[in-house]
Amino acid sequence: MDSDDHIDIRERVRAHGARQLAIARLNAPADWEGELRTALAAHREPVTIWSNNDFRLFLQSFAIFFTAAMMFLI
């Protein structure tokens, strides 16, 4: 390829963007606004400090620390 040859890919990029947009529109639910509102409402729910995963992580961390401390003392 010579240095004078230039490849113009702008039209290919535009066509790819148009295809991606069409695919995204086809995959979107019919009531996408309702789906979005439901997802946002679920995301905004208050999170407790001691949710199940946090409490489990705390117990596992404490068990590891306790075991290490006992091994050190023995």
PDB file of N, CA and C in Angstrom:
ATOM      1  N   MET A   1       0.846  -1.174   0.000  1.00  0.00           N
ATOM      2  CA  MET A   1       0.000   0.000   0.000  1.00  0.00           C
ATOM      3  C   MET A   1       0.889   1.235   0.000  1.00  0.00           C
ATOM      4  N   ASP A   2       0.617   2.120  -0.889  1.00  0.00           N
ATOM      5  CA  ASP A   2       1.400   3.352  -0.989  1.00  0.00           C
ATOM      6  C   ASP A   2       0.951   4.344   0.072  1.00  0.00           C
ATOM      7  N   SER A   3       1.827   5.262   0.366  1.00  0.00           N
ATOM      8  CA  SER A   3       1.475   6.286   1.344  1.00  0.00           C
ATOM      9  C   SER A   3       0.436   7.248   0.785  1.00  0.00           C
ATOM     10  N   ASP A   4       0.256   7.273  -0.545  1.00  0.00           N
ATOM     11  CA  ASP A   4      -0.746   8.158  -1.148  1.00  0.00           C
ATOM     12  C   ASP A   4      -2.152   7.561  -1.063  1.00  0.00           C
ATOM     13  N   ASP A   5      -2.253   6.259  -0.840  1.00  0.00           N
ATOM     14  CA  ASP A   5      -3.566   5.612  -0.740  1.00  0.00           C
ATOM     15  C   ASP A   5      -4.155   5.871   0.645  1.00  0.00           C
ATOM     16  N   HIS A   6      -5.382   6.318   0.658  1.00  0.00           N
ATOM     17  CA  HIS A   6      -6.093   6.571   1.916  1.00  0.00           C
ATOM     18  C   HIS A   6      -7.365   5.744   1.922  1.00  0.00           C
ATOM     19  N   ILE A   7      -7.661   5.162   3.031  1.00  0.00           N
ATOM     20  CA  ILE A   7      -8.886   4.385   3.168  1.00  0.00           C
ATOM     21  C   ILE A   7      -9.893   5.236   3.918  1.00  0.00           C
ATOM     22  N   ASP A   8     -11.050   5.433   3.294  1.00  0.00           N
ATOM     23  CA  ASP A   8     -12.107   6.223   3.914  1.00  0.00           C
ATOM     24  C   ASP A   8     -13.137   5.263   4.511  1.00  0.00           C
ATOM     25  N   ILE A   9     -13.154   5.171   5.826  1.00  0.00           N
ATOM     26  CA  ILE A   9     -14.047   4.220   6.482  1.00  0.00           C
ATOM     27  C   ILE A   9     -15.233   4.915   7.139  1.00  0.00           C
ATOM     28  N   ARG A  10     -15.389   6.192   6.892  1.00  0.00           N
ATOM     29  CA  ARG A  10     -16.480   6.919   7.557  1.00  0.00           C
ATOM     30  C   ARG A  10     -17.847   6.336   7.228  1.00  0.00           C
ATOM     31  N   GLU A  11     -18.064   5.975   5.959  1.00  0.00           N
ATOM     32  CA  GLU A  11     -19.362   5.431   5.578  1.00  0.00           C
ATOM     33  C   GLU A  11     -19.596   4.065   6.232  1.00  0.00           C
ATOM     34  N   ARG A  12     -18.547   3.263   6.346  1.00  0.00           N
ATOM     35  CA  ARG A  12     -18.681   1.963   7.008  1.00  0.00           C
ATOM     36  C   ARG A  12     -19.001   2.126   8.490  1.00  0.00           C
ATOM     37  N   VAL A  13     -18.384   3.122   9.124  1.00  0.00           N
ATOM     38  CA  VAL A  13     -18.644   3.376  10.536  1.00  0.00           C
ATOM     39  C   VAL A  13     -20.079   3.840  10.727  1.00  0.00           C
ATOM     40  N   ARG A  14     -20.577   4.711   9.838  1.00  0.00           N
ATOM     41  CA  ARG A  14     -21.969   5.171   9.925  1.00  0.00           C
ATOM     42  C   ARG A  14     -22.942   4.012   9.737  1.00  0.00           C
ATOM     43  N   ALA A  15     -22.657   3.151   8.768  1.00  0.00           N
ATOM     44  CA  ALA A  15     -23.534   2.003   8.524  1.00  0.00           C
ATOM     45  C   ALA A  15     -23.535   1.067   9.727  1.00  0.00           C
ATOM     46  N   HIS A  16     -22.369   0.861  10.326  1.00  0.00           N
ATOM     47  CA  HIS A  16     -22.281   0.013  11.514  1.00  0.00           C
ATOM     48  C   HIS A  16     -23.090   0.627  12.660  1.00  0.00           C
ATOM     49  N   GLY A  17     -22.982   1.932  12.858  1.00  0.00           N
ATOM     50  CA  GLY A  17     -23.756   2.607  13.898  1.00  0.00           C
ATOM     51  C   GLY A  17     -25.247   2.472  13.663  1.00  0.00           C
ATOM     52  N   ALA A  18     -25.672   2.586  12.405  1.00  0.00           N
ATOM     53  CA  ALA A  18     -27.093   2.439  12.087  1.00  0.00           C
ATOM     54  C   ALA A  18     -27.565   1.016  12.376  1.00  0.00           C
ATOM     55  N   ARG A  19     -26.744   0.021  12.054  1.00  0.00           N
ATOM     56  CA  ARG A  19     -27.112  -1.366  12.351  1.00  0.00           C
ATOM     57  C   ARG A  19     -27.203  -1.596  13.855  1.00  0.00           C
ATOM     58  N   GLN A  20     -26.245  -1.060  14.606  1.00  0.00           N
ATOM     59  CA  GLN A  20     -26.261  -1.222  16.060  1.00  0.00           C
ATOM     60  C   GLN A  20     -27.498  -0.573  16.668  1.00  0.00           C
ATOM     61  N   LEU A  21     -27.889   0.592  16.146  1.00  0.00           N
ATOM     62  CA  LEU A  21     -29.078   1.282  16.640  1.00  0.00           C
ATOM     63  C   LEU A  21     -30.336   0.474  16.342  1.00  0.00           C
ATOM     64  N   ALA A  22     -30.410  -0.089  15.148  1.00  0.00           N
ATOM     65  CA  ALA A  22     -31.566  -0.923  14.802  1.00  0.00           C
ATOM     66  C   ALA A  22     -31.647  -2.153  15.701  1.00  0.00           C
ATOM     67  N   ILE A  23     -30.518  -2.777  15.976  1.00  0.00           N
ATOM     68  CA  ILE A  23     -30.497  -3.948  16.859  1.00  0.00           C
ATOM     69  C   ILE A  23     -30.916  -3.560  18.273  1.00  0.00           C
ATOM     70  N   ALA A  24     -30.429  -2.419  18.747  1.00  0.00           N
ATOM     71  CA  ALA A  24     -30.789  -1.965  20.093  1.00  0.00           C
ATOM     72  C   ALA A  24     -32.287  -1.673  20.183  1.00  0.00           C
ATOM     73  N   ARG A  25     -32.857  -1.090  19.132  1.00  0.00           N
ATOM     74  CA  ARG A  25     -34.292  -0.804  19.137  1.00  0.00           C
ATOM     75  C   ARG A  25     -35.108  -2.087  19.108  1.00  0.00           C
ATOM     76  N   LEU A  26     -34.640  -3.086  18.385  1.00  0.00           N
ATOM     77  CA  LEU A  26     -35.366  -4.356  18.329  1.00  0.00           C
ATOM     78  C   LEU A  26     -35.298  -5.096  19.659  1.00  0.00           C
ATOM     79  N   ASN A  27     -34.192  -4.962  20.378  1.00  0.00           N
ATOM     80  CA  ASN A  27     -34.023  -5.664  21.652  1.00  0.00           C
ATOM     81  C   ASN A  27     -34.674  -4.940  22.821  1.00  0.00           C
ATOM     82  N   ALA A  28     -35.049  -3.677  22.629  1.00  0.00           N
ATOM     83  CA  ALA A  28     -35.641  -2.898  23.716  1.00  0.00           C
ATOM     84  C   ALA A  28     -37.056  -3.405  24.002  1.00  0.00           C
ATOM     85  N   PRO A  29     -37.461  -3.430  25.278  1.00  0.00           N
ATOM     86  CA  PRO A  29     -38.829  -3.856  25.587  1.00  0.00           C
ATOM     87  C   PRO A  29     -39.833  -2.835  25.058  1.00  0.00           C
ATOM     88  N   ALA A  30     -41.062  -3.280  24.852  1.00  0.00           N
ATOM     89  CA  ALA A  30     -42.093  -2.390  24.316  1.00  0.00           C
ATOM     90  C   ALA A  30     -42.333  -1.223  25.265  1.00  0.00           C
ATOM     91  N   ASP A  31     -42.359  -1.505  26.557  1.00  0.00           N
ATOM     92  CA  ASP A  31     -42.575  -0.447  27.546  1.00  0.00           C
ATOM     93  C   ASP A  31     -41.237  -0.110  28.205  1.00  0.00           C
ATOM     94  N   TRP A  32     -40.309   0.436  27.436  1.00  0.00           N
ATOM     95  CA  TRP A  32     -38.964   0.671  27.959  1.00  0.00           C
ATOM     96  C   TRP A  32     -38.953   1.750  29.033  1.00  0.00           C
ATOM     97  N   GLU A  33     -39.882   2.708  28.952  1.00  0.00           N
ATOM     98  CA  GLU A  33     -39.927   3.739  29.995  1.00  0.00           C
ATOM     99  C   GLU A  33     -40.351   3.140  31.333  1.00  0.00           C
ATOM    100  N   GLY A  34     -41.327   2.255  31.295  1.00  0.00           N
ATOM    101  CA  GLY A  34     -41.747   1.579  32.522  1.00  0.00           C
ATOM    102  C   GLY A  34     -40.650   0.703  33.089  1.00  0.00           C
ATOM    103  N   GLU A  35     -39.947  -0.002  32.204  1.00  0.00           N
ATOM    104  CA  GLU A  35     -38.817  -0.833  32.641  1.00  0.00           C
ATOM    105  C   GLU A  35     -37.734   0.027  33.287  1.00  0.00           C
ATOM    106  N   LEU A  36     -37.468   1.178  32.687  1.00  0.00           N
ATOM    107  CA  LEU A  36     -36.445   2.078  33.232  1.00  0.00           C
ATOM    108  C   LEU A  36     -36.867   2.615  34.589  1.00  0.00           C
ATOM    109  N   ARG A  37     -38.125   3.011  34.714  1.00  0.00           N
ATOM    110  CA  ARG A  37     -38.609   3.521  36.010  1.00  0.00           C
ATOM    111  C   ARG A  37     -38.528   2.439  37.091  1.00  0.00           C
ATOM    112  N   THR A  38     -38.885   1.207  36.727  1.00  0.00           N
ATOM    113  CA  THR A  38     -38.821   0.105  37.688  1.00  0.00           C
ATOM    114  C   THR A  38     -37.384  -0.162  38.116  1.00  0.00           C
ATOM    115  N   ALA A  39     -36.466  -0.151  37.163  1.00  0.00           N
ATOM    116  CA  ALA A  39     -35.057  -0.394  37.483  1.00  0.00           C
ATOM    117  C   ALA A  39     -34.494   0.727  38.343  1.00  0.00           C
ATOM    118  N   LEU A  40     -34.858   1.973  38.046  1.00  0.00           N
ATOM    119  CA  LEU A  40     -34.382   3.101  38.857  1.00  0.00           C
ATOM    120  C   LEU A  40     -34.957   3.047  40.261  1.00  0.00           C
ATOM    121  N   ALA A  41     -36.229   2.685  40.381  1.00  0.00           N
ATOM    122  CA  ALA A  41     -36.840   2.587  41.714  1.00  0.00           C
ATOM    123  C   ALA A  41     -36.169   1.491  42.529  1.00  0.00           C
ATOM    124  N   ALA A  42     -35.855   0.373  41.901  1.00  0.00           N
ATOM    125  CA  ALA A  42     -35.174  -0.708  42.617  1.00  0.00           C
ATOM    126  C   ALA A  42     -33.775  -0.293  43.028  1.00  0.00           C
ATOM    127  N   HIS A  43     -33.125   0.509  42.198  1.00  0.00           N
ATOM    128  CA  HIS A  43     -31.769   0.950  42.511  1.00  0.00           C
ATOM    129  C   HIS A  43     -31.764   1.969  43.644  1.00  0.00           C
ATOM    130  N   ARG A  44     -32.835   2.724  43.780  1.00  0.00           N
ATOM    131  CA  ARG A  44     -32.893   3.784  44.790  1.00  0.00           C
ATOM    132  C   ARG A  44     -33.387   3.309  46.141  1.00  0.00           C
ATOM    133  N   GLU A  45     -33.747   2.032  46.262  1.00  0.00           N
ATOM    134  CA  GLU A  45     -34.212   1.536  47.547  1.00  0.00           C
ATOM    135  C   GLU A  45     -33.102   1.659  48.580  1.00  0.00           C
ATOM    136  N   PRO A  46     -33.465   2.048  49.803  1.00  0.00           N
ATOM    137  CA  PRO A  46     -32.414   2.205  50.820  1.00  0.00           C
ATOM    138  C   PRO A  46     -31.761   0.863  51.144  1.00  0.00           C
ATOM    139  N   VAL A  47     -30.481   0.918  51.355  1.00  0.00           N
ATOM    140  CA  VAL A  47     -29.710  -0.282  51.671  1.00  0.00           C
ATOM    141  C   VAL A  47     -29.378  -0.257  53.150  1.00  0.00           C
ATOM    142  N   THR A  48     -29.664  -1.349  53.821  1.00  0.00           N
ATOM    143  CA  THR A  48     -29.340  -1.416  55.241  1.00  0.00           C
ATOM    144  C   THR A  48     -27.847  -1.688  55.411  1.00  0.00           C
ATOM    145  N   ILE A  49     -27.336  -1.303  56.543  1.00  0.00           N
ATOM    146  CA  ILE A  49     -25.912  -1.491  56.808  1.00  0.00           C
ATOM    147  C   ILE A  49     -25.583  -2.972  56.905  1.00  0.00           C
ATOM    148  N   TRP A  50     -26.457  -3.734  57.535  1.00  0.00           N
ATOM    149  CA  TRP A  50     -26.193  -5.154  57.736  1.00  0.00           C
ATOM    150  C   TRP A  50     -27.062  -5.995  56.804  1.00  0.00           C
ATOM    151  N   SER A  51     -26.896  -5.807  55.534  1.00  0.00           N
ATOM    152  CA  SER A  51     -27.611  -6.678  54.600  1.00  0.00           C
ATOM    153  C   SER A  51     -26.993  -8.070  54.666  1.00  0.00           C
ATOM    154  N   ASN A  52     -27.615  -9.022  54.035  1.00  0.00           N
ATOM    155  CA  ASN A  52     -27.179 -10.419  54.153  1.00  0.00           C
ATOM    156  C   ASN A  52     -25.730 -10.611  53.734  1.00  0.00           C
ATOM    157  N   ASN A  53     -25.351 -10.049  52.610  1.00  0.00           N
ATOM    158  CA  ASN A  53     -23.980 -10.248  52.125  1.00  0.00           C
ATOM    159  C   ASN A  53     -22.961  -9.562  53.029  1.00  0.00           C
ATOM    160  N   ASP A  54     -23.297  -8.373  53.530  1.00  0.00           N
ATOM    161  CA  ASP A  54     -22.368  -7.665  54.411  1.00  0.00           C
ATOM    162  C   ASP A  54     -22.183  -8.416  55.719  1.00  0.00           C
ATOM    163  N   PHE A  55     -23.265  -8.912  56.268  1.00  0.00           N
ATOM    164  CA  PHE A  55     -23.174  -9.625  57.538  1.00  0.00           C
ATOM    165  C   PHE A  55     -22.381 -10.921  57.377  1.00  0.00           C
ATOM    166  N   ARG A  56     -22.605 -11.610  56.263  1.00  0.00           N
ATOM    167  CA  ARG A  56     -21.857 -12.845  55.998  1.00  0.00           C
ATOM    168  C   ARG A  56     -20.369 -12.549  55.845  1.00  0.00           C
ATOM    169  N   LEU A  57     -20.038 -11.488  55.126  1.00  0.00           N
ATOM    170  CA  LEU A  57     -18.640 -11.104  54.965  1.00  0.00           C
ATOM    171  C   LEU A  57     -18.008 -10.745  56.306  1.00  0.00           C
ATOM    172  N   PHE A  58     -18.764 -10.047  57.154  1.00  0.00           N
ATOM    173  CA  PHE A  58     -18.260  -9.699  58.484  1.00  0.00           C
ATOM    174  C   PHE A  58     -17.978 -10.959  59.297  1.00  0.00           C
ATOM    175  N   LEU A  59     -18.894 -11.914  59.257  1.00  0.00           N
ATOM    176  CA  LEU A  59     -18.690 -13.147  60.029  1.00  0.00           C
ATOM    177  C   LEU A  59     -17.490 -13.937  59.512  1.00  0.00           C
ATOM    178  N   GLN A  60     -17.334 -14.007  58.205  1.00  0.00           N
ATOM    179  CA  GLN A  60     -16.183 -14.724  57.648  1.00  0.00           C
ATOM    180  C   GLN A  60     -14.875 -14.031  58.020  1.00  0.00           C
ATOM    181  N   SER A  61     -14.852 -12.713  57.939  1.00  0.00           N
ATOM    182  CA  SER A  61     -13.641 -11.968  58.290  1.00  0.00           C
ATOM    183  C   SER A  61     -13.310 -12.149  59.768  1.00  0.00           C
ATOM    184  N   PHE A  62     -14.337 -12.098  60.615  1.00  0.00           N
ATOM    185  CA  PHE A  62     -14.107 -12.282  62.041  1.00  0.00           C
ATOM    186  C   PHE A  62     -13.601 -13.688  62.330  1.00  0.00           C
ATOM    187  N   ALA A  63     -14.140 -14.689  61.650  1.00  0.00           N
ATOM    188  CA  ALA A  63     -13.698 -16.064  61.864  1.00  0.00           C
ATOM    189  C   ALA A  63     -12.236 -16.228  61.467  1.00  0.00           C
ATOM    190  N   ILE A  64     -11.838 -15.627  60.375  1.00  0.00           N
ATOM    191  CA  ILE A  64     -10.437 -15.706  59.943  1.00  0.00           C
ATOM    192  C   ILE A  64      -9.533 -14.994  60.949  1.00  0.00           C
ATOM    193  N   PHE A  65      -9.949 -13.805  61.385  1.00  0.00           N
ATOM    194  CA  PHE A  65      -9.152 -13.058  62.362  1.00  0.00           C
ATOM    195  C   PHE A  65      -9.046 -13.833  63.679  1.00  0.00           C
ATOM    196  N   PHE A  66     -10.163 -14.392  64.134  1.00  0.00           N
ATOM    197  CA  PHE A  66     -10.167 -15.126  65.392  1.00  0.00           C
ATOM    198  C   PHE A  66      -9.258 -16.354  65.300  1.00  0.00           C
ATOM    199  N   THR A  67      -9.345 -17.077  64.187  1.00  0.00           N
ATOM    200  CA  THR A  67      -8.497 -18.256  64.009  1.00  0.00           C
ATOM    201  C   THR A  67      -7.020 -17.864  63.989  1.00  0.00           C
ATOM    202  N   ALA A  68      -6.700 -16.779  63.282  1.00  0.00           N
ATOM    203  CA  ALA A  68      -5.293 -16.330  63.224  1.00  0.00           C
ATOM    204  C   ALA A  68      -4.808 -15.908  64.611  1.00  0.00           C
ATOM    205  N   ALA A  69      -5.653 -15.212  65.354  1.00  0.00           N
ATOM    206  CA  ALA A  69      -5.257 -14.778  66.709  1.00  0.00           C
ATOM    207  C   ALA A  69      -5.025 -15.979  67.613  1.00  0.00           C
ATOM    208  N   MET A  70      -5.888 -16.985  67.539  1.00  0.00           N
ATOM    209  CA  MET A  70      -5.709 -18.174  68.364  1.00  0.00           C
ATOM    210  C   MET A  70      -4.441 -18.935  67.983  1.00  0.00           C
ATOM    211  N   MET A  71      -4.156 -19.016  66.695  1.00  0.00           N
ATOM    212  CA  MET A  71      -2.927 -19.688  66.250  1.00  0.00           C
ATOM    213  C   MET A  71      -1.702 -18.923  66.739  1.00  0.00           C
ATOM    214  N   PHE A  72      -1.782 -17.605  66.741  1.00  0.00           N
ATOM    215  CA  PHE A  72      -0.663 -16.802  67.231  1.00  0.00           C
ATOM    216  C   PHE A  72      -0.458 -17.012  68.730  1.00  0.00           C
ATOM    217  N   LEU A  73      -1.551 -17.097  69.477  1.00  0.00           N
ATOM    218  CA  LEU A  73      -1.441 -17.234  70.934  1.00  0.00           C
ATOM    219  C   LEU A  73      -0.981 -18.643  71.335  1.00  0.00           C
ATOM    220  N   ILE A  74      -1.285 -19.626  70.507  1.00  0.00           N
ATOM    221  CA  ILE A  74      -0.881 -20.999  70.832  1.00  0.00           C
ATOM    222  C   ILE A  74       0.558 -21.138  70.494  1.00  0.00           C
TER     223      ILE A  74
END
